């Protein structure tokens, strides 16, 4: 596989998802960048904007395993990771895998589960494994968690802790369609649901090969310095009580490589970093008195982008 093959693969998937989701080609590319960077995605927006449909469309476009888990307050950690079940005929306990043993996991309304259940995903998302009874069981590659949450509803919800937010590579909002897109959406859905007819356009093996290749995407020393400087600036921000962690810095590096590959390049440019800075960094920056208000963090990241000069060719 070559970088132009990754670009062609991303274009196939983007075109396929766009049969269902209108006007979100850039966001689809960002989700695919997270997938190729071996990360996870948090979709946060008001109800009815297509968060779940986006996740299902991505899953149906890939020939991969898929599980959907509706998070509720009574959900237990074992409902996510699996549990040991006693086999009376054999007199032993055997492990029954949970829905997390898949390639793409849709964690719908993730903030409705209790912190105990949310924490069941921490090891899965970071180490790609589940430990039970002292035995670690690896999750099948590729492994992508697409979680959704509603930012305006607080009744019966449990805000994600900083440790879990930091495990999401990017955080995106769907946004409302334009008037033209709304009309096309009505015409597209008035008689049928195109999601039911969506067919896979990419194999699991292609995704795994692309994930391995993007790690060789060239990142020059000035671009690496730019990434480091941006992250360091978030920790110097006087309004911030928590800046971007080293894990967040590496996330920005890796997703920049993936995004460059999707554009058909084998090298990262400063514009890649600038485009990805807000979705990668904003949810990792916690401001005083602004917990959960990502919009304010996004403004801070935009201001930091204005302050820190990108490297130039000269």
Protein backbone atom coordinates (compact mmCIF):
# COMPACT_ATOMS: atom_id res chain seq x y z
CA UNK A 1 0.00 0.00 0.00
CA UNK A 2 1.16 3.54 -0.85
CA UNK A 3 0.02 6.95 0.33
CA UNK A 4 -2.08 7.49 -2.78
CA UNK A 5 -3.84 4.22 -1.92
CA UNK A 6 -4.70 5.61 1.52
CA UNK A 7 -6.08 8.74 -0.13
CA UNK A 8 -8.17 6.65 -2.53
CA UNK A 9 -9.41 4.47 0.34
CA UNK A 10 -10.47 7.51 2.36
CA UNK A 11 -12.23 8.97 -0.68
CA UNK A 12 -14.21 5.76 -1.20
CA UNK A 13 -15.35 5.70 2.40
CA UNK A 14 -16.12 9.43 2.42
CA UNK A 15 -18.23 9.16 -0.73
CA UNK A 16 -20.06 6.17 0.69
CA UNK A 17 -20.88 7.85 4.00
CA UNK A 18 -21.95 10.98 2.11
CA UNK A 19 -24.79 8.97 0.59
CA UNK A 20 -26.38 9.24 4.04
CA UNK A 21 -24.73 12.23 5.74
CA UNK A 22 -24.87 15.52 3.83
CA UNK A 23 -22.26 18.28 3.84
CA UNK A 24 -19.94 16.68 6.40
CA UNK A 25 -17.09 15.53 4.15
CA UNK A 26 -14.46 17.33 6.23
CA UNK A 27 -15.72 15.78 9.47
CA UNK A 28 -15.74 12.33 7.85
CA UNK A 29 -12.09 12.84 6.91
CA UNK A 30 -11.32 13.78 10.51
CA UNK A 31 -13.01 10.61 11.81
CA UNK A 32 -11.09 8.52 9.28
CA UNK A 33 -7.89 10.27 10.37
CA UNK A 34 -8.63 9.22 13.96
CA UNK A 35 -9.25 5.65 12.81
CA UNK A 36 -5.97 5.49 10.87
CA UNK A 37 -4.16 7.07 13.81
CA UNK A 38 -5.50 4.24 15.99
CA UNK A 39 -7.51 6.69 18.12
CA UNK A 40 -11.10 7.27 19.19
CA UNK A 41 -13.78 9.86 18.46
CA UNK A 42 -16.22 11.75 20.69
CA UNK A 43 -19.22 13.24 18.86
CA UNK A 44 -20.92 15.92 20.94
CA UNK A 45 -23.94 17.85 19.74
CA UNK A 46 -27.61 18.46 20.41
CA UNK A 47 -30.11 15.64 19.72
CA UNK A 48 -31.11 14.87 16.15
CA UNK A 49 -28.02 16.21 14.37
CA UNK A 50 -26.91 12.78 13.09
CA UNK A 51 -24.26 11.68 15.60
CA UNK A 52 -25.45 8.07 15.76
CA UNK A 53 -26.19 7.96 12.03
CA UNK A 54 -22.66 9.18 11.31
CA UNK A 55 -21.16 6.45 13.49
CA UNK A 56 -23.33 3.73 11.94
CA UNK A 57 -22.57 4.97 8.41
CA UNK A 58 -18.82 4.80 9.06
CA UNK A 59 -19.21 1.29 10.50
CA UNK A 60 -21.31 0.04 7.59
CA UNK A 61 -18.78 1.42 5.09
CA UNK A 62 -16.03 -0.77 6.56
CA UNK A 63 -15.97 -4.57 6.40
CA UNK A 64 -15.33 -4.73 10.14
CA UNK A 65 -17.01 -6.02 13.26
CA UNK A 66 -19.50 -3.57 14.76
CA UNK A 67 -21.25 -3.34 18.13
CA UNK A 68 -23.64 -0.71 19.43
CA UNK A 69 -23.96 -0.18 23.16
CA UNK A 70 -26.61 2.11 24.62
CA UNK A 71 -25.17 3.59 27.80
CA UNK A 72 -27.67 3.86 30.68
CA UNK A 73 -27.30 4.45 34.44
CA UNK A 74 -27.90 0.75 35.21
CA UNK A 75 -25.22 -0.48 32.78
CA UNK A 76 -22.46 -2.45 34.52
CA UNK A 77 -18.77 -2.76 33.56
CA UNK A 78 -19.27 -6.45 32.75
CA UNK A 79 -21.96 -5.43 30.23
CA UNK A 80 -19.17 -3.65 28.34
CA UNK A 81 -16.11 -5.86 28.70
CA UNK A 82 -17.64 -9.29 29.33
CA UNK A 83 -17.74 -11.59 32.34
CA UNK A 84 -16.84 -15.03 33.65
CA UNK A 85 -19.75 -17.47 33.51
CA UNK A 86 -19.89 -20.74 35.39
CA UNK A 87 -20.21 -23.83 33.20
CA UNK A 88 -21.93 -26.47 35.38
CA UNK A 89 -21.18 -29.33 33.00
CA UNK A 90 -17.46 -28.67 33.16
CA UNK A 91 -17.31 -27.25 36.68
CA UNK A 92 -15.26 -24.27 35.50
CA UNK A 93 -15.68 -20.60 34.69
CA UNK A 94 -15.30 -19.40 31.10
CA UNK A 95 -15.00 -15.84 29.86
CA UNK A 96 -17.85 -14.55 27.70
CA UNK A 97 -16.62 -11.53 25.66
CA UNK A 98 -18.63 -8.33 25.86
CA UNK A 99 -19.56 -5.98 23.00
CA UNK A 100 -16.17 -4.25 23.30
CA UNK A 101 -14.60 -7.24 21.50
CA UNK A 102 -15.24 -5.80 18.05
CA UNK A 103 -13.59 -3.44 15.58
CA UNK A 104 -15.93 -0.46 15.82
CA UNK A 105 -17.84 0.20 19.04
CA UNK A 106 -20.60 2.79 19.07
CA UNK A 107 -20.93 4.01 22.66
CA UNK A 108 -24.22 5.86 22.39
CA UNK A 109 -24.89 8.60 24.99
CA UNK A 110 -21.76 7.60 26.88
CA UNK A 111 -22.31 10.20 29.62
CA UNK A 112 -25.49 8.44 30.77
CA UNK A 113 -23.48 5.61 32.34
CA UNK A 114 -22.05 5.84 35.85
CA UNK A 115 -18.34 6.60 36.36
CA UNK A 116 -17.80 2.96 37.33
CA UNK A 117 -19.04 1.78 33.94
CA UNK A 118 -17.30 4.57 32.04
CA UNK A 119 -14.01 3.48 33.60
CA UNK A 120 -14.45 0.02 32.03
CA UNK A 121 -13.48 1.64 28.72
CA UNK A 122 -10.23 3.21 29.97
CA UNK A 123 -8.05 0.13 29.48
CA UNK A 124 -9.85 -0.80 26.27
CA UNK A 125 -9.28 2.59 24.67
CA UNK A 126 -5.67 3.09 25.73
CA UNK A 127 -4.16 -0.40 25.78
CA UNK A 128 -6.54 -2.17 23.37
CA UNK A 129 -7.10 -5.02 25.81
CA UNK A 130 -9.39 -6.27 28.57
CA UNK A 131 -7.97 -7.68 31.79
CA UNK A 132 -10.18 -10.10 33.69
CA UNK A 133 -9.15 -12.52 36.41
CA UNK A 134 -5.51 -11.61 35.92
CA UNK A 135 -5.58 -12.48 32.22
CA UNK A 136 -5.27 -9.82 29.52
CA UNK A 137 -7.24 -10.37 26.33
CA UNK A 138 -6.28 -8.23 23.31
CA UNK A 139 -8.98 -6.52 21.28
CA UNK A 140 -9.04 -7.24 17.52
CA UNK A 141 -7.41 -4.58 15.32
CA UNK A 142 -8.49 -2.12 14.18
CA UNK A 143 -10.33 -0.92 17.29
CA UNK A 144 -12.27 2.35 17.19
CA UNK A 145 -14.66 3.75 19.79
CA UNK A 146 -17.12 6.33 18.48
CA UNK A 147 -18.92 7.81 21.47
CA UNK A 148 -21.81 10.27 21.39
CA UNK A 149 -23.12 12.62 24.03
CA UNK A 150 -25.64 15.44 24.36
CA UNK A 151 -24.10 18.65 25.79
CA UNK A 152 -27.37 20.36 26.79
CA UNK A 153 -29.01 17.62 28.83
CA UNK A 154 -27.79 17.18 32.41
CA UNK A 155 -30.58 15.13 34.03
CA UNK A 156 -29.36 11.58 34.62
CA UNK A 157 -25.93 12.18 33.08
CA UNK A 158 -22.39 11.81 34.45
CA UNK A 159 -19.80 14.13 32.86
CA UNK A 160 -16.78 12.34 31.45
CA UNK A 161 -13.71 12.73 33.69
CA UNK A 162 -10.56 14.34 32.34
CA UNK A 163 -8.78 10.98 32.18
CA UNK A 164 -11.39 9.62 29.81
CA UNK A 165 -11.64 12.79 27.71
CA UNK A 166 -7.87 12.56 27.21
CA UNK A 167 -8.32 9.12 25.67
CA UNK A 168 -10.45 10.49 22.85
CA UNK A 169 -8.19 11.50 19.99
CA UNK A 170 -10.64 14.06 18.61
CA UNK A 171 -13.90 15.65 19.65
CA UNK A 172 -16.32 16.88 16.98
CA UNK A 173 -19.72 18.50 16.71
CA UNK A 174 -22.04 17.73 13.83
CA UNK A 175 -23.73 21.10 13.43
CA UNK A 176 -26.97 21.85 11.62
CA UNK A 177 -27.31 21.47 7.83
CA UNK A 178 -27.68 24.48 5.56
CA UNK A 179 -31.04 25.26 3.98
CA UNK A 180 -29.99 23.60 0.71
CA UNK A 181 -28.72 20.53 2.55
CA UNK A 182 -31.95 20.36 4.54
CA UNK A 183 -34.02 20.24 1.35
CA UNK A 184 -31.79 17.53 -0.13
CA UNK A 185 -32.02 15.62 3.15
CA UNK A 186 -35.82 15.63 2.96
CA UNK A 187 -35.75 14.44 -0.64
CA UNK A 188 -33.26 11.70 0.21
CA UNK A 189 -35.16 10.34 3.22
CA UNK A 190 -38.77 10.97 2.19
CA UNK A 191 -39.33 7.49 0.75
CA UNK A 192 -36.46 5.42 2.09
CA UNK A 193 -33.57 5.29 4.53
CA UNK A 194 -30.27 5.20 2.56
CA UNK A 195 -28.46 3.86 5.64
CA UNK A 196 -30.18 0.48 5.22
CA UNK A 197 -28.72 0.15 1.71
CA UNK A 198 -25.17 1.18 2.57
CA UNK A 199 -22.60 -1.48 1.60
CA UNK A 200 -18.97 -1.86 2.74
CA UNK A 201 -16.33 -0.28 0.49
CA UNK A 202 -13.17 -1.05 2.51
CA UNK A 203 -11.74 -4.23 4.00
CA UNK A 204 -10.43 -4.56 7.53
CA UNK A 205 -7.01 -5.56 6.21
CA UNK A 206 -6.78 -2.29 4.24
CA UNK A 207 -7.37 -0.27 7.40
CA UNK A 208 -4.71 -2.19 9.35
CA UNK A 209 -2.19 -1.76 6.51
CA UNK A 210 -2.94 1.97 6.32
CA UNK A 211 -2.49 2.31 10.10
CA UNK A 212 0.98 0.80 9.82
CA UNK A 213 1.97 2.99 6.87
CA UNK A 214 1.02 6.36 8.35
CA UNK A 215 3.64 5.93 11.09
CA UNK A 216 6.26 6.38 8.35
CA UNK A 217 4.73 9.67 7.21
CA UNK A 218 7.53 12.21 7.48
CA UNK A 219 7.33 14.91 10.15
CA UNK A 220 10.15 17.46 9.90
CA UNK A 221 11.91 18.83 12.97
CA UNK A 222 10.31 22.31 12.61
CA UNK A 223 6.81 20.77 12.45
CA UNK A 224 7.55 18.63 15.50
CA UNK A 225 8.72 21.77 17.28
CA UNK A 226 5.49 23.52 16.25
CA UNK A 227 3.38 20.72 17.73
CA UNK A 228 5.39 20.81 20.95
CA UNK A 229 5.15 24.61 21.20
CA UNK A 230 1.36 24.60 20.72
CA UNK A 231 0.88 22.04 23.49
CA UNK A 232 3.28 23.81 25.83
CA UNK A 233 1.40 27.08 25.30
CA UNK A 234 -1.83 25.48 26.56
CA UNK A 235 -0.07 24.68 29.84
CA UNK A 236 1.10 28.31 30.15
CA UNK A 237 -2.40 29.67 29.53
CA UNK A 238 -3.38 31.57 32.70
CA UNK A 239 -7.06 30.68 32.37
CA UNK A 240 -6.34 26.94 32.14
CA UNK A 241 -6.17 24.62 35.13
CA UNK A 242 -5.30 21.72 32.83
CA UNK A 243 -3.39 21.91 29.55
CA UNK A 244 -2.64 19.37 26.86
CA UNK A 245 -0.87 16.27 28.19
CA UNK A 246 2.04 14.46 26.51
CA UNK A 247 -0.54 11.92 25.32
CA UNK A 248 -2.44 14.77 23.68
CA UNK A 249 0.75 15.99 22.02
CA UNK A 250 1.44 12.55 20.57
CA UNK A 251 -2.21 12.37 19.48
CA UNK A 252 -1.80 15.61 17.52
CA UNK A 253 1.37 14.22 15.92
CA UNK A 254 -0.22 10.90 14.93
CA UNK A 255 -3.47 12.32 13.60
CA UNK A 256 -1.52 14.90 11.58
CA UNK A 257 0.33 12.02 9.92
CA UNK A 258 -2.97 10.28 9.17
CA UNK A 259 -4.59 13.44 7.80
CA UNK A 260 -1.58 14.10 5.56
CA UNK A 261 -1.79 10.53 4.23
CA UNK A 262 -5.51 10.98 3.48
CA UNK A 263 -4.53 14.04 1.43
CA UNK A 264 -2.14 11.79 -0.51
CA UNK A 265 1.07 13.18 1.00
CA UNK A 266 3.88 11.32 2.75
CA UNK A 267 4.81 14.39 4.83
CA UNK A 268 3.04 16.65 7.33
CA UNK A 269 2.77 20.39 6.76
CA UNK A 270 1.98 23.07 9.37
CA UNK A 271 -1.51 23.56 7.89
CA UNK A 272 -2.34 19.95 8.82
CA UNK A 273 -1.46 20.70 12.43
CA UNK A 274 -3.46 23.96 12.43
CA UNK A 275 -6.55 22.23 11.02
CA UNK A 276 -6.41 19.48 13.64
CA UNK A 277 -5.40 21.57 16.65
CA UNK A 278 -8.92 22.46 17.79
CA UNK A 279 -10.56 19.01 17.50
CA UNK A 280 -7.54 17.35 19.12
CA UNK A 281 -6.70 19.88 21.85
CA UNK A 282 -9.85 21.77 22.88
CA UNK A 283 -11.45 18.98 24.93
CA UNK A 284 -8.16 18.42 26.73
CA UNK A 285 -7.93 22.01 27.98
CA UNK A 286 -9.95 22.68 31.14
CA UNK A 287 -10.54 26.37 31.94
CA UNK A 288 -11.37 27.84 35.32
CA UNK A 289 -15.13 27.80 35.84
CA UNK A 290 -15.67 26.46 32.32
CA UNK A 291 -15.71 22.67 32.79
CA UNK A 292 -17.67 21.04 29.97
CA UNK A 293 -17.86 24.27 27.93
CA UNK A 294 -15.80 23.19 24.94
CA UNK A 295 -16.67 26.35 23.03
CA UNK A 296 -14.54 28.47 25.34
CA UNK A 297 -11.64 26.03 25.07
CA UNK A 298 -11.90 26.17 21.28
CA UNK A 299 -11.52 29.97 21.43
CA UNK A 300 -8.40 29.57 23.59
CA UNK A 301 -6.86 27.10 21.11
CA UNK A 302 -7.63 29.50 18.23
CA UNK A 303 -5.92 32.31 20.14
CA UNK A 304 -2.89 30.09 20.77
CA UNK A 305 -2.73 29.30 17.05
CA UNK A 306 -2.57 33.04 16.41
CA UNK A 307 0.19 33.51 18.99
CA UNK A 308 2.47 30.63 18.03
CA UNK A 309 4.04 31.16 14.61
CA UNK A 310 4.11 28.11 12.34
CA UNK A 311 7.40 27.12 10.71
CA UNK A 312 8.04 28.48 7.24
CA UNK A 313 9.98 27.05 4.34
CA UNK A 314 12.61 29.73 4.68
